Amino acid sequence: KFVLESKAQLNGELAGVDSELNKVTYSILNRDKLIKEKEELDETKELTAICMAELSPKTGILGDVMNSFIREFVGHMNSIISSVWTYSMEILECRNKKGDLDFYFPVLVQGKTEPNPDVADTSGAQSKIINFAFKWLMMKTHDLTHYPLFLDEFTNGMDEVHIVRMIKLAYDMVETERCSQLFMILHQANQFGSFPQAESLVINADNLQTLPDHYNTHAKFS
């Protein structure tokens, strides 16, 4: 009886040990699996890091391609700016001190030894011509010149000389068919004089001292 009871007890303990052994064996297999997965993930991470470095839009292949486009794009913007602006104002390439693309575009204005850090730091009038050049070139680059060009108070903050030159540029773009149609919102009615064939829309005639000879002939308020 003692032997049988001892055997039963030992069998129970053996079953428990066997269960623990199975758990340990499973843990070891799971550990080995996780180690293998970690090694694979580490390799993938390393390869991904290499790929990202090579394709980086700041320093890699994409950066080189974008730099070529940006250099040409900025060159065209400066051509438009110089056709209007009476003093030198040049948008510089967006490279930081390390030589990497940072997508901030400094602007060097005549008389300054250091450029403004970015186009956003220019004056109101200067930003108008920069925005105009950017808008027009984006339309041209994306083959959208068959869409109307919308200009909302695009001469605000400019002196008389620059207003005249900006209006002339817009007029020349229409005359040379570089845009299919032009919509301008202005608060100075005399600026429409450069567009004798344009249709004028006056929302509130009480706010103007000088009215166009003909206006609201193509539209009616009700």
Protein backbone atom coordinates (compact mmCIF):
# COMPACT_ATOMS: atom_id res chain seq x y z
CA LYS A 1 0.00 0.00 0.00
CA PHE A 2 2.83 2.38 0.88
CA VAL A 3 4.57 1.62 -2.39
CA LEU A 4 1.42 2.19 -4.41
CA GLU A 5 0.67 5.46 -2.62
CA SER A 6 4.26 6.62 -3.11
CA LYS A 7 4.09 5.69 -6.78
CA ALA A 8 0.88 7.65 -7.22
CA GLN A 9 2.43 10.65 -5.46
CA LEU A 10 5.57 10.43 -7.56
CA ASN A 11 3.52 10.11 -10.74
CA GLY A 12 1.68 13.28 -9.77
CA GLU A 13 4.91 15.11 -9.10
CA LEU A 14 6.36 13.77 -12.35
CA ALA A 15 3.37 15.05 -14.26
CA GLY A 16 3.92 18.48 -12.71
CA VAL A 17 7.63 18.41 -13.60
CA ASP A 18 6.74 17.28 -17.11
CA SER A 19 4.29 20.17 -17.43
CA GLU A 20 6.92 22.64 -16.25
CA LEU A 21 9.42 21.11 -18.66
CA ASN A 22 6.98 21.57 -21.52
CA LYS A 23 6.52 25.22 -20.52
CA VAL A 24 10.27 25.77 -20.45
CA THR A 25 10.66 24.03 -23.82
CA TYR A 26 7.89 26.23 -25.31
CA SER A 27 9.51 29.36 -23.81
CA ILE A 28 12.86 28.39 -25.34
CA LEU A 29 11.26 27.86 -28.75
CA ASN A 30 9.39 31.14 -28.43
CA ARG A 31 12.62 32.89 -27.37
CA ASP A 32 14.48 31.46 -30.37
CA LYS A 33 11.64 32.58 -32.63
CA LEU A 34 11.70 36.10 -31.18
CA ILE A 35 15.50 36.27 -31.51
CA LYS A 36 15.21 35.29 -35.17
CA GLU A 37 12.44 37.84 -35.75
CA LYS A 38 14.55 40.50 -34.03
CA GLU A 39 17.53 39.69 -36.25
CA GLU A 40 15.31 39.94 -39.33
CA LEU A 41 13.81 43.22 -38.11
CA ASP A 42 17.27 44.62 -37.34
CA GLU A 43 18.36 43.74 -40.88
CA THR A 44 15.22 45.30 -42.32
CA LYS A 45 15.76 48.41 -40.20
CA GLU A 46 19.34 48.71 -41.42
CA LEU A 47 18.34 48.28 -45.06
CA THR A 48 15.46 50.74 -44.63
CA ALA A 49 17.80 53.30 -43.09
CA ILE A 50 20.18 52.91 -46.05
CA CYS A 51 17.28 53.23 -48.50
CA MET A 52 15.92 56.32 -46.74
CA ALA A 53 19.35 57.93 -46.73
CA GLU A 54 19.82 57.23 -50.44
CA LEU A 55 16.32 58.47 -51.33
CA SER A 56 16.21 61.36 -48.87
CA PRO A 57 14.48 64.49 -50.23
CA LYS A 58 17.13 66.53 -48.44
CA THR A 59 20.42 64.76 -49.21
CA GLY A 60 19.73 61.68 -51.36
CA ILE A 61 18.65 60.88 -54.91
CA LEU A 62 15.28 62.60 -54.51
CA GLY A 63 17.07 65.62 -53.07
CA ASP A 64 19.35 65.78 -56.12
CA VAL A 65 16.39 65.55 -58.51
CA MET A 66 14.40 68.10 -56.53
CA ASN A 67 17.41 70.40 -56.33
CA SER A 68 17.67 70.48 -60.13
CA PHE A 69 13.97 71.34 -60.39
CA ILE A 70 14.14 73.89 -57.57
CA ARG A 71 17.17 75.62 -59.11
CA GLU A 72 15.33 76.01 -62.43
CA PHE A 73 12.05 76.98 -60.74
CA VAL A 74 13.73 79.63 -58.58
CA GLY A 75 15.55 80.94 -61.65
CA HIS A 76 12.23 81.46 -63.45
CA MET A 77 10.75 83.14 -60.37
CA ASN A 78 13.69 85.55 -60.22
CA SER A 79 13.18 86.37 -63.91
CA ILE A 80 9.56 87.32 -63.26
CA ILE A 81 10.52 89.33 -60.17
CA SER A 82 13.27 91.21 -62.01
CA SER A 83 10.84 92.12 -64.80
CA VAL A 84 8.74 94.05 -62.28
CA TRP A 85 10.96 95.05 -59.37
CA THR A 86 13.02 98.21 -59.73
CA TYR A 87 15.79 97.07 -57.37
CA SER A 88 17.57 93.76 -57.03
CA MET A 89 15.65 91.08 -55.13
CA GLU A 90 16.73 87.48 -55.57
CA ILE A 91 15.34 84.25 -54.15
CA LEU A 92 18.20 81.96 -53.16
CA GLU A 93 18.33 78.18 -53.18
CA CYS A 94 17.02 76.41 -50.08
CA ARG A 95 20.22 74.94 -48.66
CA ASN A 96 21.31 75.10 -45.03
CA LYS A 97 24.90 75.50 -43.78
CA LYS A 98 25.50 71.75 -44.21
CA GLY A 99 24.54 71.99 -47.86
CA ASP A 100 21.31 70.00 -47.37
CA LEU A 101 17.94 71.05 -48.71
CA ASP A 102 15.88 72.57 -45.91
CA PHE A 103 13.06 74.06 -48.06
CA TYR A 104 13.49 77.54 -46.61
CA PHE A 105 14.09 80.06 -49.40
CA PRO A 106 16.21 83.06 -48.36
CA VAL A 107 15.67 86.34 -50.19
CA LEU A 108 18.59 88.69 -50.82
CA VAL A 109 17.43 92.28 -51.23
CA GLN A 110 19.63 95.01 -52.65
CA GLY A 111 21.48 96.93 -49.95
CA LYS A 112 21.48 94.08 -47.42
CA THR A 113 24.55 92.02 -46.62
CA GLU A 114 22.51 89.11 -45.25
CA PRO A 115 19.41 87.64 -46.90
CA ASN A 116 16.04 87.34 -45.19
CA PRO A 117 15.86 83.75 -43.88
CA ASP A 118 12.76 82.89 -45.91
CA VAL A 119 10.25 84.30 -48.39
CA ALA A 120 7.78 84.55 -45.51
CA ASP A 121 10.02 87.23 -43.93
CA THR A 122 9.74 89.70 -46.81
CA SER A 123 7.63 92.86 -46.79
CA GLY A 124 4.00 92.90 -47.87
CA ALA A 125 4.78 94.36 -51.30
CA GLN A 126 7.73 92.03 -51.86
CA SER A 127 5.64 88.99 -50.92
CA LYS A 128 3.02 90.02 -53.51
CA ILE A 129 5.40 89.72 -56.46
CA ILE A 130 6.90 86.51 -55.01
CA ASN A 131 3.43 84.98 -54.59
CA PHE A 132 2.46 86.08 -58.09
CA ALA A 133 5.55 84.49 -59.63
CA PHE A 134 5.01 81.28 -57.66
CA LYS A 135 1.32 81.03 -58.60
CA TRP A 136 1.99 81.59 -62.29
CA LEU A 137 4.90 79.13 -62.45
CA MET A 138 2.94 76.46 -60.56
CA MET A 139 0.15 76.77 -63.14
CA LYS A 140 2.69 76.56 -65.95
CA THR A 141 4.58 73.63 -64.41
CA HIS A 142 1.38 71.64 -63.89
CA ASP A 143 0.03 72.53 -67.35
CA LEU A 144 -2.86 74.54 -65.90
CA THR A 145 -2.49 77.64 -68.06
CA HIS A 146 -5.87 76.87 -69.62
CA TYR A 147 -7.40 77.71 -66.23
CA PRO A 148 -8.21 81.34 -65.33
CA LEU A 149 -5.63 83.25 -63.34
CA PHE A 150 -7.13 84.76 -60.17
CA LEU A 151 -5.44 87.83 -58.70
CA ASP A 152 -6.87 89.25 -55.48
CA GLU A 153 -5.49 92.67 -54.48
CA PHE A 154 -2.14 91.61 -55.93
CA THR A 155 -0.72 95.17 -55.87
CA ASN A 156 -1.48 95.94 -52.21
CA GLY A 157 1.33 97.74 -50.42
CA MET A 158 3.17 98.66 -53.63
CA ASP A 159 4.19 102.14 -54.69
CA GLU A 160 2.90 103.65 -57.94
CA VAL A 161 5.83 102.50 -60.07
CA HIS A 162 5.54 98.89 -58.99
CA ILE A 163 1.75 98.94 -59.35
CA VAL A 164 2.10 100.08 -62.96
CA ARG A 165 4.71 97.42 -63.69
CA MET A 166 2.63 94.66 -62.05
CA ILE A 167 -0.48 95.65 -64.00
CA LYS A 168 1.58 95.69 -67.20
CA LEU A 169 2.88 92.19 -66.47
CA ALA A 170 -0.68 90.89 -65.97
CA TYR A 171 -1.75 92.65 -69.18
CA ASP A 172 1.16 91.17 -71.16
CA MET A 173 0.30 87.67 -69.90
CA VAL A 174 -3.23 88.02 -71.27
CA GLU A 175 -2.08 89.56 -74.55
CA THR A 176 0.51 86.83 -75.15
CA GLU A 177 -2.05 84.15 -74.20
CA ARG A 178 0.02 82.85 -71.29
CA CYS A 179 -3.25 82.56 -69.36
CA SER A 180 -6.66 81.85 -70.83
CA GLN A 181 -8.59 84.27 -68.66
CA LEU A 182 -7.82 86.78 -65.94
CA PHE A 183 -9.94 87.66 -62.91
CA MET A 184 -8.73 90.62 -60.84
CA ILE A 185 -10.13 91.97 -57.59
CA LEU A 186 -9.00 95.56 -57.00
CA HIS A 187 -10.18 98.47 -54.87
CA GLN A 188 -8.76 101.12 -57.23
CA ALA A 189 -10.91 101.43 -60.32
CA ASN A 190 -8.26 103.38 -62.25
CA GLN A 191 -6.09 100.25 -62.37
CA PHE A 192 -8.60 98.69 -64.75
CA GLY A 193 -7.67 101.33 -67.35
CA SER A 194 -4.89 99.08 -68.63
CA PHE A 195 -7.53 96.55 -69.68
CA PRO A 196 -9.80 98.47 -72.06
CA GLN A 197 -11.54 95.31 -73.27
CA ALA A 198 -12.09 93.94 -69.77
CA GLU A 199 -15.55 93.63 -68.27
CA SER A 200 -15.76 95.45 -64.96
CA LEU A 201 -17.89 94.39 -62.03
CA VAL A 202 -18.55 96.98 -59.33
CA ILE A 203 -20.13 95.60 -56.17
CA ASN A 204 -20.60 98.96 -54.41
CA ALA A 205 -20.28 102.10 -56.51
CA ASP A 206 -20.55 104.28 -53.38
CA ASN A 207 -17.06 103.19 -52.37
CA LEU A 208 -15.42 104.48 -55.57
CA GLN A 209 -14.68 108.06 -56.59
CA THR A 210 -13.67 107.08 -60.12
CA LEU A 211 -15.94 104.61 -61.86
CA PRO A 212 -15.18 102.72 -65.09
CA ASP A 213 -16.98 104.03 -68.17
CA HIS A 214 -18.86 100.76 -68.43
CA TYR A 215 -19.42 98.27 -65.66
CA ASN A 216 -21.82 95.52 -64.62
CA THR A 217 -22.89 95.06 -68.24
CA HIS A 218 -22.26 91.31 -67.99
CA ALA A 219 -23.75 90.82 -64.54
CA LYS A 220 -26.83 91.82 -62.61
CA PHE A 221 -27.39 91.94 -58.86
CA SER A 222 -30.76 90.94 -57.55
